[in-house]
């Protein structure tokens, strides 16, 4: 009798649980592929954003340098003008 119960349980596992396990493994493989594709897509997007930020940062630094140069030039002109006035005195 117990052998019959064991066979019934074994048959139940093979008929009910095994297909579910196979389906879960297939779903897992599909999800892993989707995650890999998503990671690749995100890497591309982050790389693109990174390049844009680098370009904007470089442009900002160039604008700051230009502004500093203009300020120094203005200061030199003022100093030169004052030097001329002092020389006249």
N, C-alpha and C. Protein backbone atom coordinates (compact mmCIF):
# COMPACT_ATOMS: atom_id res chain seq x y z
N UNK A 1 0.81 -1.20 0.00
CA UNK A 1 0.00 0.00 0.00
C UNK A 1 0.85 1.26 0.00
N UNK A 2 1.92 1.28 0.85
CA UNK A 2 2.77 2.46 0.90
C UNK A 2 3.52 2.65 -0.41
N UNK A 3 3.81 1.54 -1.10
CA UNK A 3 4.48 1.65 -2.40
C UNK A 3 3.55 2.32 -3.40
N UNK A 4 2.28 2.02 -3.31
CA UNK A 4 1.28 2.62 -4.19
C UNK A 4 1.16 4.12 -3.91
N UNK A 5 1.23 4.50 -2.63
CA UNK A 5 1.18 5.91 -2.26
C UNK A 5 2.41 6.63 -2.79
N UNK A 6 3.57 6.01 -2.67
CA UNK A 6 4.81 6.62 -3.18
C UNK A 6 4.75 6.79 -4.69
N UNK A 7 4.23 5.80 -5.39
CA UNK A 7 4.11 5.91 -6.85
C UNK A 7 3.13 7.01 -7.23
N UNK A 8 2.05 7.10 -6.46
CA UNK A 8 1.06 8.15 -6.72
C UNK A 8 1.67 9.53 -6.50
N UNK A 9 2.44 9.66 -5.41
CA UNK A 9 3.11 10.94 -5.15
C UNK A 9 4.13 11.26 -6.24
N UNK A 10 4.89 10.24 -6.65
CA UNK A 10 5.88 10.44 -7.71
C UNK A 10 5.19 10.88 -9.00
N UNK A 11 4.10 10.24 -9.32
CA UNK A 11 3.35 10.58 -10.53
C UNK A 11 2.80 12.01 -10.43
N UNK A 12 2.34 12.36 -9.25
CA UNK A 12 1.81 13.71 -9.02
C UNK A 12 2.92 14.76 -9.23
N UNK A 13 4.09 14.48 -8.71
CA UNK A 13 5.22 15.40 -8.88
C UNK A 13 5.56 15.54 -10.35
N UNK A 14 5.61 14.42 -11.06
CA UNK A 14 5.96 14.46 -12.48
C UNK A 14 4.89 15.16 -13.32
N UNK A 15 3.62 14.96 -12.95
CA UNK A 15 2.54 15.52 -13.74
C UNK A 15 2.22 16.98 -13.42
N UNK A 16 2.40 17.37 -12.16
CA UNK A 16 1.97 18.71 -11.75
C UNK A 16 3.16 19.64 -11.50
N UNK A 17 4.10 19.22 -10.73
CA UNK A 17 5.17 20.11 -10.30
C UNK A 17 6.26 20.27 -11.36
N UNK A 18 6.66 19.18 -11.99
CA UNK A 18 7.75 19.24 -12.98
C UNK A 18 7.45 20.22 -14.11
N UNK A 19 6.23 20.19 -14.72
CA UNK A 19 5.96 21.17 -15.78
C UNK A 19 6.04 22.62 -15.28
N UNK A 20 5.58 22.84 -14.04
CA UNK A 20 5.65 24.19 -13.48
C UNK A 20 7.10 24.63 -13.31
N UNK A 21 7.94 23.71 -12.88
CA UNK A 21 9.36 24.03 -12.70
C UNK A 21 9.99 24.36 -14.06
N UNK A 22 9.65 23.58 -15.08
CA UNK A 22 10.18 23.87 -16.42
C UNK A 22 9.72 25.24 -16.92
N UNK A 23 8.45 25.54 -16.67
CA UNK A 23 7.91 26.84 -17.08
C UNK A 23 8.60 27.98 -16.33
N UNK A 24 8.83 27.78 -15.05
CA UNK A 24 9.54 28.80 -14.27
C UNK A 24 10.96 29.01 -14.79
N UNK A 25 11.64 27.93 -15.16
CA UNK A 25 12.99 28.05 -15.70
C UNK A 25 12.97 28.80 -17.03
N UNK A 26 11.97 28.53 -17.86
CA UNK A 26 11.84 29.24 -19.14
C UNK A 26 11.57 30.72 -18.89
N UNK A 27 10.69 31.01 -17.93
CA UNK A 27 10.40 32.42 -17.59
C UNK A 27 11.65 33.11 -17.06
N UNK A 28 12.41 32.42 -16.25
CA UNK A 28 13.64 32.99 -15.70
C UNK A 28 14.62 33.33 -16.82
N UNK A 29 14.77 32.41 -17.77
CA UNK A 29 15.68 32.66 -18.90
C UNK A 29 15.21 33.86 -19.70
N UNK A 30 13.90 33.97 -19.92
CA UNK A 30 13.35 35.10 -20.66
C UNK A 30 13.60 36.41 -19.92
N UNK A 31 13.38 36.39 -18.61
CA UNK A 31 13.61 37.60 -17.82
C UNK A 31 15.08 37.99 -17.82
N UNK A 32 15.97 37.01 -17.75
CA UNK A 32 17.40 37.31 -17.78
C UNK A 32 17.79 37.98 -19.10
N UNK A 33 17.20 37.53 -20.20
CA UNK A 33 17.48 38.15 -21.50
C UNK A 33 16.95 39.59 -21.53
N UNK A 34 15.75 39.79 -20.98
CA UNK A 34 15.17 41.13 -20.95
C UNK A 34 15.99 42.06 -20.08
N UNK A 35 16.47 41.56 -18.96
CA UNK A 35 17.29 42.38 -18.06
C UNK A 35 18.60 42.75 -18.74
N UNK A 36 19.20 41.80 -19.44
CA UNK A 36 20.46 42.09 -20.15
C UNK A 36 20.23 43.16 -21.22
N UNK A 37 19.10 43.04 -21.94
CA UNK A 37 18.79 44.05 -22.97
C UNK A 37 18.55 45.41 -22.33
N UNK A 38 17.87 45.43 -21.20
CA UNK A 38 17.62 46.68 -20.49
C UNK A 38 18.93 47.30 -19.99
N UNK A 39 19.83 46.47 -19.47
CA UNK A 39 21.12 46.98 -19.02
C UNK A 39 21.90 47.59 -20.18
N UNK A 40 21.86 46.94 -21.32
CA UNK A 40 22.57 47.47 -22.50
C UNK A 40 21.96 48.80 -22.92
N UNK A 41 20.63 48.86 -22.93
CA UNK A 41 19.93 50.10 -23.30
C UNK A 41 20.28 51.23 -22.32
N UNK A 42 20.29 50.91 -21.04
CA UNK A 42 20.62 51.92 -20.03
C UNK A 42 22.06 52.38 -20.17
N UNK A 43 22.98 51.46 -20.47
CA UNK A 43 24.37 51.85 -20.68
C UNK A 43 24.50 52.84 -21.83
N UNK A 44 23.78 52.58 -22.90
CA UNK A 44 23.82 53.47 -24.07
C UNK A 44 23.26 54.85 -23.69
N UNK A 45 22.13 54.84 -22.98
CA UNK A 45 21.51 56.12 -22.59
C UNK A 45 22.39 56.91 -21.64
N UNK A 46 22.96 56.22 -20.64
CA UNK A 46 23.82 56.92 -19.69
C UNK A 46 25.07 57.45 -20.38
N UNK A 47 25.59 56.70 -21.32
CA UNK A 47 26.76 57.17 -22.06
C UNK A 47 26.42 58.43 -22.86
N UNK A 48 25.24 58.43 -23.47
CA UNK A 48 24.80 59.60 -24.23
C UNK A 48 24.63 60.81 -23.32
N UNK A 49 24.00 60.61 -22.18
CA UNK A 49 23.81 61.71 -21.23
C UNK A 49 25.17 62.20 -20.73
N UNK A 50 26.06 61.28 -20.46
CA UNK A 50 27.40 61.63 -19.98
C UNK A 50 28.13 62.50 -21.00
N UNK A 51 28.03 62.14 -22.27
CA UNK A 51 28.68 62.93 -23.32
C UNK A 51 28.08 64.32 -23.41
N UNK A 52 26.76 64.42 -23.30
CA UNK A 52 26.10 65.72 -23.35
C UNK A 52 26.53 66.60 -22.17
N UNK A 53 26.59 65.99 -20.99
CA UNK A 53 27.01 66.75 -19.82
C UNK A 53 28.45 67.21 -19.95
N UNK A 54 29.31 66.36 -20.47
CA UNK A 54 30.71 66.75 -20.68
C UNK A 54 30.80 67.94 -21.64
N UNK A 55 30.02 67.89 -22.72
CA UNK A 55 30.05 68.98 -23.70
C UNK A 55 29.55 70.28 -23.07
N UNK A 56 28.48 70.20 -22.28
CA UNK A 56 27.95 71.40 -21.63
C UNK A 56 28.92 71.94 -20.59
N UNK A 57 29.57 71.05 -19.87
CA UNK A 57 30.55 71.48 -18.87
C UNK A 57 31.73 72.18 -19.56
N UNK A 58 32.20 71.62 -20.67
CA UNK A 58 33.30 72.25 -21.41
C UNK A 58 32.89 73.63 -21.92
N UNK A 59 31.66 73.74 -22.42
CA UNK A 59 31.17 75.04 -22.91
C UNK A 59 31.07 76.04 -21.76
N UNK A 60 30.60 75.59 -20.62
CA UNK A 60 30.50 76.46 -19.45
C UNK A 60 31.87 76.93 -19.00
N UNK A 61 32.83 76.01 -18.96
CA UNK A 61 34.19 76.38 -18.55
C UNK A 61 34.80 77.38 -19.54
N UNK A 62 34.53 77.19 -20.82
CA UNK A 62 35.03 78.13 -21.83
C UNK A 62 34.40 79.50 -21.63
N UNK A 63 33.10 79.53 -21.33
CA UNK A 63 32.42 80.81 -21.11
C UNK A 63 32.98 81.51 -19.87
N UNK A 64 33.25 80.74 -18.83
CA UNK A 64 33.83 81.33 -17.61
C UNK A 64 35.21 81.89 -17.91
N UNK A 65 36.01 81.15 -18.65
CA UNK A 65 37.35 81.64 -19.00
C UNK A 65 37.27 82.91 -19.83
N UNK A 66 36.35 82.94 -20.77
CA UNK A 66 36.16 84.13 -21.61
C UNK A 66 35.73 85.31 -20.75
N UNK A 67 34.84 85.08 -19.81
CA UNK A 67 34.36 86.14 -18.92
C UNK A 67 35.51 86.67 -18.06
N UNK A 68 36.33 85.77 -17.54
CA UNK A 68 37.48 86.20 -16.74
C UNK A 68 38.45 87.02 -17.59
N UNK A 69 38.67 86.57 -18.82
CA UNK A 69 39.58 87.30 -19.70
C UNK A 69 39.04 88.70 -19.99
N UNK A 70 37.73 88.80 -20.23
CA UNK A 70 37.13 90.10 -20.49
C UNK A 70 37.25 91.01 -19.26
N UNK A 71 37.05 90.46 -18.07
CA UNK A 71 37.15 91.23 -16.82
C UNK A 71 38.58 91.72 -16.63
N UNK A 72 39.56 90.87 -16.90
CA UNK A 72 40.96 91.27 -16.76
C UNK A 72 41.32 92.36 -17.76
N UNK A 73 40.82 92.23 -18.97
CA UNK A 73 41.08 93.25 -19.98
C UNK A 73 40.48 94.59 -19.57
N UNK A 74 39.27 94.56 -19.04
CA UNK A 74 38.63 95.79 -18.56
C UNK A 74 39.45 96.41 -17.44
N UNK A 75 39.90 95.57 -16.51
CA UNK A 75 40.73 96.07 -15.40
C UNK A 75 42.03 96.68 -15.91
N UNK A 76 42.66 96.05 -16.88
CA UNK A 76 43.90 96.60 -17.43
C UNK A 76 43.66 97.95 -18.11
N UNK A 77 42.55 98.09 -18.79
CA UNK A 77 42.24 99.36 -19.44
C UNK A 77 42.03 100.46 -18.41
N UNK A 78 41.33 100.12 -17.32
CA UNK A 78 41.10 101.10 -16.27
C UNK A 78 42.44 101.49 -15.63
N UNK A 79 43.26 100.50 -15.34
CA UNK A 79 44.57 100.77 -14.73
C UNK A 79 45.44 101.60 -15.67
N UNK A 80 45.42 101.29 -16.95
CA UNK A 80 46.21 102.06 -17.92
C UNK A 80 45.73 103.50 -17.96
N UNK A 81 44.42 103.67 -17.95
CA UNK A 81 43.87 105.03 -17.96
C UNK A 81 44.28 105.79 -16.71
N UNK A 82 44.21 105.11 -15.56
CA UNK A 82 44.61 105.76 -14.31
C UNK A 82 46.10 106.06 -14.30
N UNK A 83 46.89 105.16 -14.85
CA UNK A 83 48.33 105.38 -14.91
C UNK A 83 48.66 106.61 -15.74
N UNK A 84 47.96 106.79 -16.84
CA UNK A 84 48.18 107.97 -17.69
C UNK A 84 47.85 109.24 -16.91
N UNK A 85 46.75 109.22 -16.18
CA UNK A 85 46.35 110.42 -15.40
C UNK A 85 47.36 110.73 -14.32
N UNK A 86 47.86 109.66 -13.66
CA UNK A 86 48.86 109.88 -12.61
C UNK A 86 50.16 110.40 -13.23
N UNK A 87 50.50 109.92 -14.39
CA UNK A 87 51.73 110.36 -15.04
C UNK A 87 51.63 111.85 -15.40
N UNK A 88 50.46 112.29 -15.76
CA UNK A 88 50.26 113.69 -16.13
C UNK A 88 50.42 114.57 -14.89
N UNK A 89 49.98 114.07 -13.76
CA UNK A 89 50.06 114.86 -12.53
C UNK A 89 51.50 114.96 -12.13
